[in-house]
Amino acid sequence: MKYIYTLFLVIMAFWGCQDVKIGCLDVNNAEYMPDTMLVRKELGVIQDDWNIVRQDRMRLKVKAPWVTNQIQGVIGTAPIQYSLYDVTATDGGDAEVFKKELKVRGGGILEMPFLPESPNGRYTVSLKVEAEEYSAIIENVFTFVIRQR
């Protein structure tokens, strides 16, 4: 009788645990620090070359893209994958052009090209985050401000 009872418990344990989701994902504290970036289309536009801001000189020299910090506050089972969910454009911006230019890297790092084609404006980005069998949307998590100078 003990063997039948033990066999019954083992079968119930395997059968009852089949629908348990693996992993976790928590984005309640997700944020970028800072959460806004100014992207200038004209760098170092000053008459005297010596007055160009040092950062502008380096960016001009290597044609460095505009890159954010890694997102913070996302907790989940690795690997965590980030993708663009949506973009809201205001102040004359074009969300469709911006979506084509924006790249989402590992760790939620956002990258804009050295000279973006997107028109001047404010672009607010929402991300989709996925880990194992979980996914979440982080609404309006980062803002790019694109302008001439």
Protein backbone atom coordinates (compact mmCIF):
# COMPACT_ATOMS: atom_id res chain seq x y z
CA MET A 1 0.00 0.00 0.00
CA LYS A 2 2.92 2.33 0.75
CA TYR A 3 4.24 1.82 -2.77
CA ILE A 4 0.92 2.65 -4.37
CA TYR A 5 0.59 5.79 -2.22
CA THR A 6 4.18 6.89 -3.08
CA LEU A 7 3.62 6.21 -6.78
CA PHE A 8 0.39 8.24 -6.65
CA LEU A 9 2.22 11.20 -5.02
CA VAL A 10 5.02 11.10 -7.60
CA ILE A 11 2.54 11.04 -10.50
CA MET A 12 0.55 13.92 -9.00
CA ALA A 13 3.73 15.97 -8.46
CA PHE A 14 4.82 15.62 -12.10
CA TRP A 15 1.34 16.14 -13.46
CA GLY A 16 0.59 19.22 -11.30
CA CYS A 17 3.85 21.03 -12.10
CA GLN A 18 3.62 21.05 -15.88
CA ASP A 19 1.95 24.45 -16.26
CA VAL A 20 4.36 26.47 -14.10
CA LYS A 21 5.92 29.38 -16.01
CA ILE A 22 9.69 29.59 -15.96
CA GLY A 23 11.43 32.83 -15.02
CA CYS A 24 10.22 36.28 -14.05
CA LEU A 25 10.06 39.86 -15.33
CA ASP A 26 9.59 43.06 -13.32
CA VAL A 27 9.71 46.47 -15.05
CA ASN A 28 7.95 48.54 -12.36
CA ASN A 29 11.16 50.48 -11.58
CA ALA A 30 12.51 50.69 -15.14
CA GLU A 31 14.03 54.04 -16.08
CA TYR A 32 16.86 55.77 -17.88
CA MET A 33 19.10 58.23 -16.07
CA PRO A 34 18.99 60.79 -17.61
CA ASP A 35 15.71 60.18 -19.44
CA THR A 36 16.13 62.84 -22.16
CA MET A 37 18.80 63.46 -24.81
CA LEU A 38 19.38 66.48 -27.03
CA VAL A 39 20.46 65.43 -30.53
CA ARG A 40 21.95 68.31 -32.51
CA LYS A 41 22.16 68.13 -36.29
CA GLU A 42 24.82 70.86 -36.49
CA LEU A 43 27.86 70.36 -34.32
CA GLY A 44 30.54 72.92 -33.65
CA VAL A 45 28.96 75.59 -35.82
CA ILE A 46 31.12 78.39 -34.45
CA GLN A 47 33.36 80.72 -36.49
CA ASP A 48 36.54 80.00 -34.56
CA ASP A 49 37.51 76.30 -34.59
CA TRP A 50 39.17 76.68 -31.16
CA ASN A 51 35.82 77.50 -29.56
CA ILE A 52 34.18 74.22 -30.62
CA VAL A 53 33.12 72.24 -27.59
CA ARG A 54 35.52 69.33 -26.98
CA GLN A 55 32.72 66.74 -27.15
CA ASP A 56 31.61 68.14 -30.50
CA ARG A 57 35.19 67.87 -31.82
CA MET A 58 35.38 64.17 -30.88
CA ARG A 59 31.90 63.40 -32.22
CA LEU A 60 32.75 65.15 -35.52
CA LYS A 61 36.08 63.35 -35.76
CA VAL A 62 34.71 59.79 -35.37
CA LYS A 63 31.11 60.46 -36.52
CA ALA A 64 29.87 58.89 -33.28
CA PRO A 65 26.18 58.03 -33.02
CA TRP A 66 24.00 59.39 -30.22
CA VAL A 67 23.77 56.63 -27.58
CA THR A 68 21.83 56.44 -24.30
CA ASN A 69 22.84 54.78 -21.08
CA GLN A 70 21.63 51.27 -20.34
CA ILE A 71 18.12 51.06 -18.87
CA GLN A 72 18.01 50.51 -15.10
CA GLY A 73 15.52 48.79 -12.83
CA VAL A 74 14.56 45.85 -15.08
CA ILE A 75 14.63 42.55 -13.21
CA GLY A 76 14.12 39.27 -15.03
CA THR A 77 15.40 35.92 -16.14
CA ALA A 78 18.23 36.19 -18.66
CA PRO A 79 18.28 36.69 -21.55
CA ILE A 80 16.22 39.88 -21.43
CA GLN A 81 15.46 41.26 -24.87
CA TYR A 82 14.43 44.81 -25.73
CA SER A 83 12.64 46.04 -28.83
CA LEU A 84 10.96 49.22 -29.99
CA TYR A 85 7.25 49.24 -29.18
CA ASP A 86 6.15 52.74 -30.16
CA VAL A 87 7.27 56.32 -30.74
CA THR A 88 5.23 59.46 -30.13
CA ALA A 89 6.36 62.57 -32.02
CA THR A 90 5.52 66.17 -31.11
CA ASP A 91 6.79 69.66 -31.97
CA GLY A 92 7.05 68.88 -35.70
CA GLY A 93 8.60 65.42 -35.44
CA ASP A 94 7.88 62.46 -37.75
CA ALA A 95 7.52 59.21 -35.78
CA GLU A 96 7.74 56.93 -38.85
CA VAL A 97 11.10 58.35 -39.99
CA PHE A 98 12.39 58.22 -36.41
CA LYS A 99 11.38 54.55 -36.00
CA LYS A 100 13.45 53.61 -39.05
CA GLU A 101 16.55 55.31 -37.63
CA LEU A 102 16.40 54.24 -33.98
CA LYS A 103 18.27 51.07 -32.98
CA VAL A 104 17.65 49.21 -29.74
CA ARG A 105 20.78 47.46 -28.46
CA GLY A 106 21.36 44.99 -25.63
CA GLY A 107 20.56 46.29 -22.18
CA GLY A 108 17.98 48.63 -23.67
CA ILE A 109 20.62 50.99 -25.07
CA LEU A 110 19.07 53.30 -27.68
CA GLU A 111 21.11 54.57 -30.61
CA MET A 112 20.48 57.35 -33.14
CA PRO A 113 22.77 57.95 -36.15
CA PHE A 114 25.41 60.70 -36.12
CA LEU A 115 23.31 62.83 -38.49
CA PRO A 116 19.65 61.80 -38.13
CA GLU A 117 17.23 62.31 -41.01
CA SER A 118 14.32 62.74 -38.61
CA PRO A 119 12.93 66.27 -38.59
CA ASN A 120 13.35 68.52 -35.57
CA GLY A 121 10.97 67.61 -32.75
CA ARG A 122 10.42 65.62 -29.55
CA TYR A 123 10.30 61.83 -29.80
CA THR A 124 9.11 59.78 -26.84
CA VAL A 125 10.03 56.08 -26.98
CA SER A 126 8.16 53.10 -25.51
CA LEU A 127 9.93 49.71 -25.29
CA LYS A 128 8.82 46.09 -25.24
CA VAL A 129 10.77 43.88 -22.83
CA GLU A 130 10.79 40.08 -23.02
CA ALA A 131 12.25 37.43 -20.71
CA GLU A 132 11.45 33.71 -21.05
CA GLU A 133 7.65 33.47 -21.22
CA TYR A 134 7.01 37.01 -19.95
CA SER A 135 6.74 40.35 -21.71
CA ALA A 136 5.97 43.91 -20.67
CA ILE A 137 5.63 47.35 -22.24
CA ILE A 138 7.47 50.31 -20.73
CA GLU A 139 5.54 53.38 -21.89
CA ASN A 140 7.23 56.74 -22.56
CA VAL A 141 10.53 55.69 -21.04
CA PHE A 142 12.92 57.95 -22.98
CA THR A 143 12.72 61.23 -24.92
CA PHE A 144 14.94 62.40 -27.77
CA VAL A 145 14.87 66.10 -28.66
CA ILE A 146 16.20 66.68 -32.17
CA ARG A 147 17.04 70.21 -33.28
CA GLN A 148 19.46 72.03 -35.57
CA ARG A 149 21.83 73.49 -32.95
